[in-house]
Amino acid sequence: MITFLSGVHIRKGIVELISNSSEINCAVAFWGRGATDLFPSTGEKSIRIICDLMSGACNPAVIRELMNLGAEIKMVDGMHAKIYWTRAGVVGSFGLP
């Protein structure tokens, strides 16, 4: 089943997906203040993140916080994705011209 989310429902969908999963994968180009709030209690969770560290749009302090939570960070220069996926599902966003 596919459900389209908008506005505040997107963040709620991401939090719900992440909170119920032990393996979290994120391809999100830019991470800013408040991003670690998506991972309220990591515990035994595996977090893998792909982002664009070279763009200047990622907050280095937030990347350190994510690493302190145990996240594995990989870099792809020029990437501009926003997708979170687990075995339970996928939440992503896209823009229209």
PDB file of N, CA and C in Angstrom:
ATOM      1  N   MET A   1       0.836  -1.180   0.000  1.00  0.00           N
ATOM      2  CA  MET A   1       0.000   0.000   0.000  1.00  0.00           C
ATOM      3  C   MET A   1       0.884   1.248   0.000  1.00  0.00           C
ATOM      4  N   ILE A   2       0.538   2.233  -0.775  1.00  0.00           N
ATOM      5  CA  ILE A   2       1.261   3.491  -0.846  1.00  0.00           C
ATOM      6  C   ILE A   2       0.394   4.574  -0.228  1.00  0.00           C
ATOM      7  N   THR A   3       0.998   5.375   0.647  1.00  0.00           N
ATOM      8  CA  THR A   3       0.316   6.502   1.253  1.00  0.00           C
ATOM      9  C   THR A   3       1.147   7.746   1.009  1.00  0.00           C
ATOM     10  N   PHE A   4       0.536   8.821   0.554  1.00  0.00           N
ATOM     11  CA  PHE A   4       1.235  10.074   0.356  1.00  0.00           C
ATOM     12  C   PHE A   4       1.038  10.942   1.587  1.00  0.00           C
ATOM     13  N   LEU A   5       2.142  11.475   2.103  1.00  0.00           N
ATOM     14  CA  LEU A   5       2.117  12.316   3.289  1.00  0.00           C
ATOM     15  C   LEU A   5       2.526  13.732   2.904  1.00  0.00           C
ATOM     16  N   SER A   6       2.066  14.704   3.667  1.00  0.00           N
ATOM     17  CA  SER A   6       2.484  16.081   3.428  1.00  0.00           C
ATOM     18  C   SER A   6       2.607  16.813   4.755  1.00  0.00           C
ATOM     19  N   GLY A   7       3.329  17.924   4.717  1.00  0.00           N
ATOM     20  CA  GLY A   7       3.468  18.781   5.888  1.00  0.00           C
ATOM     21  C   GLY A   7       4.020  18.053   7.099  1.00  0.00           C
ATOM     22  N   VAL A   8       3.382  18.272   8.246  1.00  0.00           N
ATOM     23  CA  VAL A   8       3.847  17.686   9.506  1.00  0.00           C
ATOM     24  C   VAL A   8       3.715  16.169   9.516  1.00  0.00           C
ATOM     25  N   HIS A   9       2.901  15.634   8.635  1.00  0.00           N
ATOM     26  CA  HIS A   9       2.699  14.183   8.586  1.00  0.00           C
ATOM     27  C   HIS A   9       3.944  13.449   8.080  1.00  0.00           C
ATOM     28  N   ILE A  10       4.789  14.142   7.307  1.00  0.00           N
ATOM     29  CA  ILE A  10       6.016  13.518   6.821  1.00  0.00           C
ATOM     30  C   ILE A  10       6.934  13.208   7.998  1.00  0.00           C
ATOM     31  N   ARG A  11       7.186  14.197   8.851  1.00  0.00           N
ATOM     32  CA  ARG A  11       8.060  13.978  10.019  1.00  0.00           C
ATOM     33  C   ARG A  11       7.472  12.899  10.923  1.00  0.00           C
ATOM     34  N   LYS A  12       6.161  12.947  11.147  1.00  0.00           N
ATOM     35  CA  LYS A  12       5.500  11.940  11.979  1.00  0.00           C
ATOM     36  C   LYS A  12       5.700  10.543  11.383  1.00  0.00           C
ATOM     37  N   GLY A  13       5.588  10.422  10.073  1.00  0.00           N
ATOM     38  CA  GLY A  13       5.805   9.139   9.404  1.00  0.00           C
ATOM     39  C   GLY A  13       7.226   8.641   9.552  1.00  0.00           C
ATOM     40  N   ILE A  14       8.200   9.565   9.467  1.00  0.00           N
ATOM     41  CA  ILE A  14       9.607   9.199   9.642  1.00  0.00           C
ATOM     42  C   ILE A  14       9.849   8.701  11.059  1.00  0.00           C
ATOM     43  N   VAL A  15       9.363   9.445  12.049  1.00  0.00           N
ATOM     44  CA  VAL A  15       9.559   9.058  13.451  1.00  0.00           C
ATOM     45  C   VAL A  15       8.920   7.709  13.735  1.00  0.00           C
ATOM     46  N   GLU A  16       7.713   7.491  13.227  1.00  0.00           N
ATOM     47  CA  GLU A  16       7.032   6.209  13.427  1.00  0.00           C
ATOM     48  C   GLU A  16       7.810   5.059  12.793  1.00  0.00           C
ATOM     49  N   LEU A  17       8.285   5.262  11.579  1.00  0.00           N
ATOM     50  CA  LEU A  17       9.061   4.234  10.877  1.00  0.00           C
ATOM     51  C   LEU A  17      10.338   3.903  11.643  1.00  0.00           C
ATOM     52  N   ILE A  18      11.055   4.932  12.073  1.00  0.00           N
ATOM     53  CA  ILE A  18      12.330   4.737  12.767  1.00  0.00           C
ATOM     54  C   ILE A  18      12.140   4.113  14.139  1.00  0.00           C
ATOM     55  N   SER A  19      11.136   4.566  14.881  1.00  0.00           N
ATOM     56  CA  SER A  19      10.951   4.084  16.253  1.00  0.00           C
ATOM     57  C   SER A  19      10.598   2.603  16.311  1.00  0.00           C
ATOM     58  N   ASN A  20      10.038   2.075  15.233  1.00  0.00           N
ATOM     59  CA  ASN A  20       9.639   0.672  15.222  1.00  0.00           C
ATOM     60  C   ASN A  20      10.634  -0.233  14.502  1.00  0.00           C
ATOM     61  N   SER A  21      11.844   0.269  14.252  1.00  0.00           N
ATOM     62  CA  SER A  21      12.808  -0.494  13.461  1.00  0.00           C
ATOM     63  C   SER A  21      14.150  -0.614  14.158  1.00  0.00           C
ATOM     64  N   SER A  22      14.804  -1.745  13.961  1.00  0.00           N
ATOM     65  CA  SER A  22      16.135  -1.934  14.540  1.00  0.00           C
ATOM     66  C   SER A  22      17.241  -1.614  13.537  1.00  0.00           C
ATOM     67  N   GLU A  23      16.902  -1.603  12.233  1.00  0.00           N
ATOM     68  CA  GLU A  23      17.858  -1.244  11.181  1.00  0.00           C
ATOM     69  C   GLU A  23      17.297  -0.068  10.399  1.00  0.00           C
ATOM     70  N   ILE A  24      17.981   1.059  10.500  1.00  0.00           N
ATOM     71  CA  ILE A  24      17.498   2.289   9.884  1.00  0.00           C
ATOM     72  C   ILE A  24      18.498   2.736   8.819  1.00  0.00           C
ATOM     73  N   ASN A  25      17.992   3.045   7.640  1.00  0.00           N
ATOM     74  CA  ASN A  25      18.820   3.521   6.543  1.00  0.00           C
ATOM     75  C   ASN A  25      18.287   4.865   6.092  1.00  0.00           C
ATOM     76  N   CYS A  26      19.196   5.811   5.886  1.00  0.00           N
ATOM     77  CA  CYS A  26      18.787   7.146   5.470  1.00  0.00           C
ATOM     78  C   CYS A  26      19.697   7.636   4.359  1.00  0.00           C
ATOM     79  N   ALA A  27      19.120   8.102   3.287  1.00  0.00           N
ATOM     80  CA  ALA A  27      19.853   8.814   2.246  1.00  0.00           C
ATOM     81  C   ALA A  27      19.266  10.213   2.260  1.00  0.00           C
ATOM     82  N   VAL A  28      19.887  11.076   3.041  1.00  0.00           N
ATOM     83  CA  VAL A  28      19.406  12.437   3.231  1.00  0.00           C
ATOM     84  C   VAL A  28      20.604  13.358   3.044  1.00  0.00           C
ATOM     85  N   ALA A  29      20.543  14.208   2.048  1.00  0.00           N
ATOM     86  CA  ALA A  29      21.701  15.015   1.674  1.00  0.00           C
ATOM     87  C   ALA A  29      22.185  15.914   2.801  1.00  0.00           C
ATOM     88  N   PHE A  30      21.277  16.612   3.451  1.00  0.00           N
ATOM     89  CA  PHE A  30      21.677  17.637   4.409  1.00  0.00           C
ATOM     90  C   PHE A  30      21.044  17.387   5.782  1.00  0.00           C
ATOM     91  N   TRP A  31      21.864  17.447   6.817  1.00  0.00           N
ATOM     92  CA  TRP A  31      21.405  17.241   8.192  1.00  0.00           C
ATOM     93  C   TRP A  31      21.636  18.521   8.981  1.00  0.00           C
ATOM     94  N   GLY A  32      20.573  19.006   9.633  1.00  0.00           N
ATOM     95  CA  GLY A  32      20.663  20.234  10.408  1.00  0.00           C
ATOM     96  C   GLY A  32      20.167  20.043  11.827  1.00  0.00           C
ATOM     97  N   ARG A  33      20.136  21.152  12.543  1.00  0.00           N
ATOM     98  CA  ARG A  33      19.722  21.149  13.945  1.00  0.00           C
ATOM     99  C   ARG A  33      18.380  20.443  14.118  1.00  0.00           C
ATOM    100  N   GLY A  34      18.280  19.603  15.120  1.00  0.00           N
ATOM    101  CA  GLY A  34      17.052  18.877  15.406  1.00  0.00           C
ATOM    102  C   GLY A  34      16.973  17.507  14.751  1.00  0.00           C
ATOM    103  N   ALA A  35      17.922  17.205  13.880  1.00  0.00           N
ATOM    104  CA  ALA A  35      17.888  15.917  13.158  1.00  0.00           C
ATOM    105  C   ALA A  35      18.014  14.732  14.107  1.00  0.00           C
ATOM    106  N   THR A  36      18.794  14.884  15.162  1.00  0.00           N
ATOM    107  CA  THR A  36      18.968  13.767  16.088  1.00  0.00           C
ATOM    108  C   THR A  36      17.685  13.460  16.848  1.00  0.00           C
ATOM    109  N   ASP A  37      16.734  14.391  16.845  1.00  0.00           N
ATOM    110  CA  ASP A  37      15.441  14.140  17.497  1.00  0.00           C
ATOM    111  C   ASP A  37      14.660  13.027  16.793  1.00  0.00           C
ATOM    112  N   LEU A  38      15.022  12.726  15.553  1.00  0.00           N
ATOM    113  CA  LEU A  38      14.368  11.638  14.836  1.00  0.00           C
ATOM    114  C   LEU A  38      14.720  10.283  15.432  1.00  0.00           C
ATOM    115  N   PHE A  39      15.818  10.229  16.169  1.00  0.00           N
ATOM    116  CA  PHE A  39      16.310   8.973  16.747  1.00  0.00           C
ATOM    117  C   PHE A  39      16.254   9.073  18.267  1.00  0.00           C
ATOM    118  N   PRO A  40      15.049   9.103  18.859  1.00  0.00           N
ATOM    119  CA  PRO A  40      14.917   9.370  20.297  1.00  0.00           C
ATOM    120  C   PRO A  40      15.592   8.353  21.205  1.00  0.00           C
ATOM    121  N   SER A  41      15.496   7.090  20.893  1.00  0.00           N
ATOM    122  CA  SER A  41      16.151   6.084  21.738  1.00  0.00           C
ATOM    123  C   SER A  41      16.721   5.012  20.820  1.00  0.00           C
ATOM    124  N   THR A  42      17.989   5.142  20.502  1.00  0.00           N
ATOM    125  CA  THR A  42      18.580   4.242  19.524  1.00  0.00           C
ATOM    126  C   THR A  42      18.779   2.845  20.075  1.00  0.00           C
ATOM    127  N   GLY A  43      19.232   2.713  21.330  1.00  0.00           N
ATOM    128  CA  GLY A  43      19.434   1.389  21.916  1.00  0.00           C
ATOM    129  C   GLY A  43      20.266   0.494  21.027  1.00  0.00           C
ATOM    130  N   GLU A  44      19.698  -0.613  20.609  1.00  0.00           N
ATOM    131  CA  GLU A  44      20.390  -1.600  19.788  1.00  0.00           C
ATOM    132  C   GLU A  44      20.156  -1.371  18.298  1.00  0.00           C
ATOM    133  N   LYS A  45      19.824  -0.166  17.913  1.00  0.00           N
ATOM    134  CA  LYS A  45      19.503   0.101  16.523  1.00  0.00           C
ATOM    135  C   LYS A  45      20.760   0.307  15.684  1.00  0.00           C
ATOM    136  N   SER A  46      20.675  -0.131  14.452  1.00  0.00           N
ATOM    137  CA  SER A  46      21.722   0.092  13.467  1.00  0.00           C
ATOM    138  C   SER A  46      21.277   1.255  12.585  1.00  0.00           C
ATOM    139  N   ILE A  47      22.080   2.314  12.546  1.00  0.00           N
ATOM    140  CA  ILE A  47      21.736   3.496  11.759  1.00  0.00           C
ATOM    141  C   ILE A  47      22.810   3.699  10.698  1.00  0.00           C
ATOM    142  N   ARG A  48      22.386   3.694   9.429  1.00  0.00           N
ATOM    143  CA  ARG A  48      23.310   3.960   8.327  1.00  0.00           C
ATOM    144  C   ARG A  48      22.799   5.179   7.570  1.00  0.00           C
ATOM    145  N   ILE A  49      23.700   6.147   7.383  1.00  0.00           N
ATOM    146  CA  ILE A  49      23.324   7.410   6.763  1.00  0.00           C
ATOM    147  C   ILE A  49      24.249   7.700   5.587  1.00  0.00           C
ATOM    148  N   ILE A  50      23.642   8.079   4.465  1.00  0.00           N
ATOM    149  CA  ILE A  50      24.387   8.589   3.317  1.00  0.00           C
ATOM    150  C   ILE A  50      23.997  10.055   3.186  1.00  0.00           C
ATOM    151  N   CYS A  51      24.997  10.952   3.108  1.00  0.00           N
ATOM    152  CA  CYS A  51      24.708  12.375   2.999  1.00  0.00           C
ATOM    153  C   CYS A  51      25.785  13.068   2.163  1.00  0.00           C
ATOM    154  N   ASP A  52      25.592  14.351   1.902  1.00  0.00           N
ATOM    155  CA  ASP A  52      26.548  15.147   1.130  1.00  0.00           C
ATOM    156  C   ASP A  52      27.303  16.060   2.092  1.00  0.00           C
ATOM    157  N   LEU A  53      28.405  15.567   2.630  1.00  0.00           N
ATOM    158  CA  LEU A  53      29.185  16.327   3.602  1.00  0.00           C
ATOM    159  C   LEU A  53      29.946  17.488   2.967  1.00  0.00           C
ATOM    160  N   MET A  54      30.193  17.444   1.684  1.00  0.00           N
ATOM    161  CA  MET A  54      31.004  18.463   1.016  1.00  0.00           C
ATOM    162  C   MET A  54      30.208  19.693   0.584  1.00  0.00           C
ATOM    163  N   SER A  55      28.902  19.644   0.669  1.00  0.00           N
ATOM    164  CA  SER A  55      28.067  20.740   0.176  1.00  0.00           C
ATOM    165  C   SER A  55      28.145  21.983   1.052  1.00  0.00           C
ATOM    166  N   GLY A  56      28.496  21.804   2.309  1.00  0.00           N
ATOM    167  CA  GLY A  56      28.465  22.912   3.258  1.00  0.00           C
ATOM    168  C   GLY A  56      27.107  23.065   3.921  1.00  0.00           C
ATOM    169  N   ALA A  57      26.125  22.271   3.512  1.00  0.00           N
ATOM    170  CA  ALA A  57      24.775  22.372   4.071  1.00  0.00           C
ATOM    171  C   ALA A  57      24.555  21.436   5.253  1.00  0.00           C
ATOM    172  N   CYS A  58      25.465  20.492   5.481  1.00  0.00           N
ATOM    173  CA  CYS A  58      25.368  19.607   6.647  1.00  0.00           C
ATOM    174  C   CYS A  58      26.017  20.293   7.841  1.00  0.00           C
ATOM    175  N   ASN A  59      25.333  20.304   8.948  1.00  0.00           N
ATOM    176  CA  ASN A  59      25.867  20.883  10.170  1.00  0.00           C
ATOM    177  C   ASN A  59      26.856  19.891  10.783  1.00  0.00           C
ATOM    178  N   PRO A  60      28.149  20.235  10.879  1.00  0.00           N
ATOM    179  CA  PRO A  60      29.144  19.299  11.409  1.00  0.00           C
ATOM    180  C   PRO A  60      28.843  18.832  12.837  1.00  0.00           C
ATOM    181  N   ALA A  61      28.258  19.714  13.661  1.00  0.00           N
ATOM    182  CA  ALA A  61      27.913  19.327  15.031  1.00  0.00           C
ATOM    183  C   ALA A  61      26.835  18.244  15.025  1.00  0.00           C
ATOM    184  N   VAL A  62      25.885  18.342  14.116  1.00  0.00           N
ATOM    185  CA  VAL A  62      24.814  17.346  14.013  1.00  0.00           C
ATOM    186  C   VAL A  62      25.387  16.019  13.523  1.00  0.00           C
ATOM    187  N   ILE A  63      26.304  16.066  12.562  1.00  0.00           N
ATOM    188  CA  ILE A  63      26.940  14.838  12.078  1.00  0.00           C
ATOM    189  C   ILE A  63      27.677  14.155  13.221  1.00  0.00           C
ATOM    190  N   ARG A  64      28.377  14.932  14.052  1.00  0.00           N
ATOM    191  CA  ARG A  64      29.051  14.354  15.236  1.00  0.00           C
ATOM    192  C   ARG A  64      28.035  13.733  16.190  1.00  0.00           C
ATOM    193  N   GLU A  65      26.909  14.415  16.410  1.00  0.00           N
ATOM    194  CA  GLU A  65      25.864  13.869  17.294  1.00  0.00           C
ATOM    195  C   GLU A  65      25.336  12.546  16.751  1.00  0.00           C
ATOM    196  N   LEU A  66      25.110  12.488  15.443  1.00  0.00           N
ATOM    197  CA  LEU A  66      24.633  11.251  14.829  1.00  0.00           C
ATOM    198  C   LEU A  66      25.669  10.135  14.988  1.00  0.00           C
ATOM    199  N   MET A  67      26.937  10.480  14.813  1.00  0.00           N
ATOM    200  CA  MET A  67      28.000   9.483  15.002  1.00  0.00           C
ATOM    201  C   MET A  67      28.051   9.027  16.459  1.00  0.00           C
ATOM    202  N   ASN A  68      27.824   9.953  17.396  1.00  0.00           N
ATOM    203  CA  ASN A  68      27.804   9.589  18.817  1.00  0.00           C
ATOM    204  C   ASN A  68      26.641   8.665  19.154  1.00  0.00           C
ATOM    205  N   LEU A  69      25.569   8.729  18.349  1.00  0.00           N
ATOM    206  CA  LEU A  69      24.451   7.802  18.522  1.00  0.00           C
ATOM    207  C   LEU A  69      24.776   6.424  17.945  1.00  0.00           C
ATOM    208  N   GLY A  70      25.920   6.339  17.251  1.00  0.00           N
ATOM    209  CA  GLY A  70      26.324   5.075  16.654  1.00  0.00           C
ATOM    210  C   GLY A  70      26.053   4.986  15.166  1.00  0.00           C
ATOM    211  N   ALA A  71      25.642   6.081  14.559  1.00  0.00           N
ATOM    212  CA  ALA A  71      25.343   6.071  13.122  1.00  0.00           C
ATOM    213  C   ALA A  71      26.617   5.902  12.306  1.00  0.00           C
ATOM    214  N   GLU A  72      26.512   5.098  11.270  1.00  0.00           N
ATOM    215  CA  GLU A  72      27.581   4.942  10.285  1.00  0.00           C
ATOM    216  C   GLU A  72      27.302   5.961   9.185  1.00  0.00           C
ATOM    217  N   ILE A  73      28.233   6.868   8.952  1.00  0.00           N
ATOM    218  CA  ILE A  73      28.039   7.951   7.993  1.00  0.00           C
ATOM    219  C   ILE A  73      28.879   7.692   6.748  1.00  0.00           C
ATOM    220  N   LYS A  74      28.243   7.759   5.592  1.00  0.00           N
ATOM    221  CA  LYS A  74      28.925   7.666   4.294  1.00  0.00           C
ATOM    222  C   LYS A  74      28.615   8.947   3.518  1.00  0.00           C
ATOM    223  N   MET A  75      29.533   9.337   2.645  1.00  0.00           N
ATOM    224  CA  MET A  75      29.386  10.574   1.905  1.00  0.00           C
ATOM    225  C   MET A  75      29.278  10.310   0.414  1.00  0.00           C
ATOM    226  N   VAL A  76      28.327  11.005  -0.223  1.00  0.00           N
ATOM    227  CA  VAL A  76      28.197  11.009  -1.671  1.00  0.00           C
ATOM    228  C   VAL A  76      28.113  12.466  -2.098  1.00  0.00           C
ATOM    229  N   ASP A  77      29.156  12.951  -2.730  1.00  0.00           N
ATOM    230  CA  ASP A  77      29.223  14.337  -3.166  1.00  0.00           C
ATOM    231  C   ASP A  77      28.149  14.618  -4.216  1.00  0.00           C
ATOM    232  N   GLY A  78      27.390  15.696  -4.024  1.00  0.00           N
ATOM    233  CA  GLY A  78      26.374  16.106  -4.985  1.00  0.00           C
ATOM    234  C   GLY A  78      25.024  15.416  -4.845  1.00  0.00           C
ATOM    235  N   MET A  79      24.888  14.512  -3.882  1.00  0.00           N
ATOM    236  CA  MET A  79      23.627  13.804  -3.688  1.00  0.00           C
ATOM    237  C   MET A  79      22.564  14.765  -3.161  1.00  0.00           C
ATOM    238  N   HIS A  80      21.324  14.568  -3.570  1.00  0.00           N
ATOM    239  CA  HIS A  80      20.236  15.391  -3.038  1.00  0.00           C
ATOM    240  C   HIS A  80      18.993  14.528  -2.826  1.00  0.00           C
ATOM    241  N   ALA A  81      19.132  13.538  -1.973  1.00  0.00           N
ATOM    242  CA  ALA A  81      18.023  12.624  -1.679  1.00  0.00           C
ATOM    243  C   ALA A  81      17.439  12.933  -0.314  1.00  0.00           C
ATOM    244  N   LYS A  82      16.201  12.481  -0.112  1.00  0.00           N
ATOM    245  CA  LYS A  82      15.552  12.530   1.201  1.00  0.00           C
ATOM    246  C   LYS A  82      14.708  11.272   1.318  1.00  0.00           C
ATOM    247  N   ILE A  83      15.328  10.199   1.795  1.00  0.00           N
ATOM    248  CA  ILE A  83      14.596   8.937   1.907  1.00  0.00           C
ATOM    249  C   ILE A  83      15.065   8.182   3.144  1.00  0.00           C
ATOM    250  N   TYR A  84      14.110   7.639   3.859  1.00  0.00           N
ATOM    251  CA  TYR A  84      14.355   6.834   5.058  1.00  0.00           C
ATOM    252  C   TYR A  84      13.732   5.479   4.795  1.00  0.00           C
ATOM    253  N   TRP A  85      14.485   4.394   5.004  1.00  0.00           N
ATOM    254  CA  TRP A  85      13.896   3.081   4.770  1.00  0.00           C
ATOM    255  C   TRP A  85      14.344   2.076   5.812  1.00  0.00           C
ATOM    256  N   THR A  86      13.424   1.188   6.100  1.00  0.00           N
ATOM    257  CA  THR A  86      13.648   0.074   7.022  1.00  0.00           C
ATOM    258  C   THR A  86      12.972  -1.136   6.389  1.00  0.00           C
ATOM    259  N   ARG A  87      13.018  -2.250   7.086  1.00  0.00           N
ATOM    260  CA  ARG A  87      12.310  -3.436   6.581  1.00  0.00           C
ATOM    261  C   ARG A  87      10.802  -3.233   6.588  1.00  0.00           C
ATOM    262  N   ALA A  88      10.333  -2.298   7.421  1.00  0.00           N
ATOM    263  CA  ALA A  88       8.897  -2.054   7.547  1.00  0.00           C
ATOM    264  C   ALA A  88       8.335  -1.133   6.469  1.00  0.00           C
ATOM    265  N   GLY A  89       9.195  -0.333   5.844  1.00  0.00           N
ATOM    266  CA  GLY A  89       8.673   0.578   4.840  1.00  0.00           C
ATOM    267  C   GLY A  89       9.650   1.667   4.467  1.00  0.00           C
ATOM    268  N   VAL A  90       9.137   2.654   3.740  1.00  0.00           N
ATOM    269  CA  VAL A  90       9.933   3.754   3.215  1.00  0.00           C
ATOM    270  C   VAL A  90       9.166   5.065   3.389  1.00  0.00           C
ATOM    271  N   VAL A  91       9.884   6.106   3.777  1.00  0.00           N
ATOM    272  CA  VAL A  91       9.332   7.459   3.776  1.00  0.00           C
ATOM    273  C   VAL A  91      10.338   8.319   3.028  1.00  0.00           C
ATOM    274  N   GLY A  92       9.860   9.066   2.057  1.00  0.00           N
ATOM    275  CA  GLY A  92      10.751   9.934   1.293  1.00  0.00           C
ATOM    276  C   GLY A  92      10.012  11.171   0.853  1.00  0.00           C
ATOM    277  N   SER A  93      10.738  12.052   0.208  1.00  0.00           N
ATOM    278  CA  SER A  93      10.086  13.251  -0.320  1.00  0.00           C
ATOM    279  C   SER A  93      10.651  13.549  -1.701  1.00  0.00           C
ATOM    280  N   PHE A  94       9.891  14.282  -2.452  1.00  0.00           N
ATOM    281  CA  PHE A  94      10.325  14.667  -3.778  1.00  0.00           C
ATOM    282  C   PHE A  94       9.748  16.045  -4.084  1.00  0.00           C
ATOM    283  N   GLY A  95      10.363  16.715  -5.012  1.00  0.00           N
ATOM    284  CA  GLY A  95       9.874  18.029  -5.413  1.00  0.00           C
ATOM    285  C   GLY A  95       9.318  17.978  -6.820  1.00  0.00           C
ATOM    286  N   LEU A  96       8.468  18.889  -7.102  1.00  0.00           N
ATOM    287  CA  LEU A  96       7.901  18.997  -8.444  1.00  0.00           C
ATOM    288  C   LEU A  96       8.386  20.303  -9.068  1.00  0.00           C
ATOM    289  N   PRO A  97       8.640  20.279 -10.368  1.00  0.00           N
ATOM    290  CA  PRO A  97       9.110  21.512 -11.029  1.00  0.00           C
ATOM    291  C   PRO A  97       8.041  22.596 -11.045  1.00  0.00           C
TER     292      PRO A  97
END
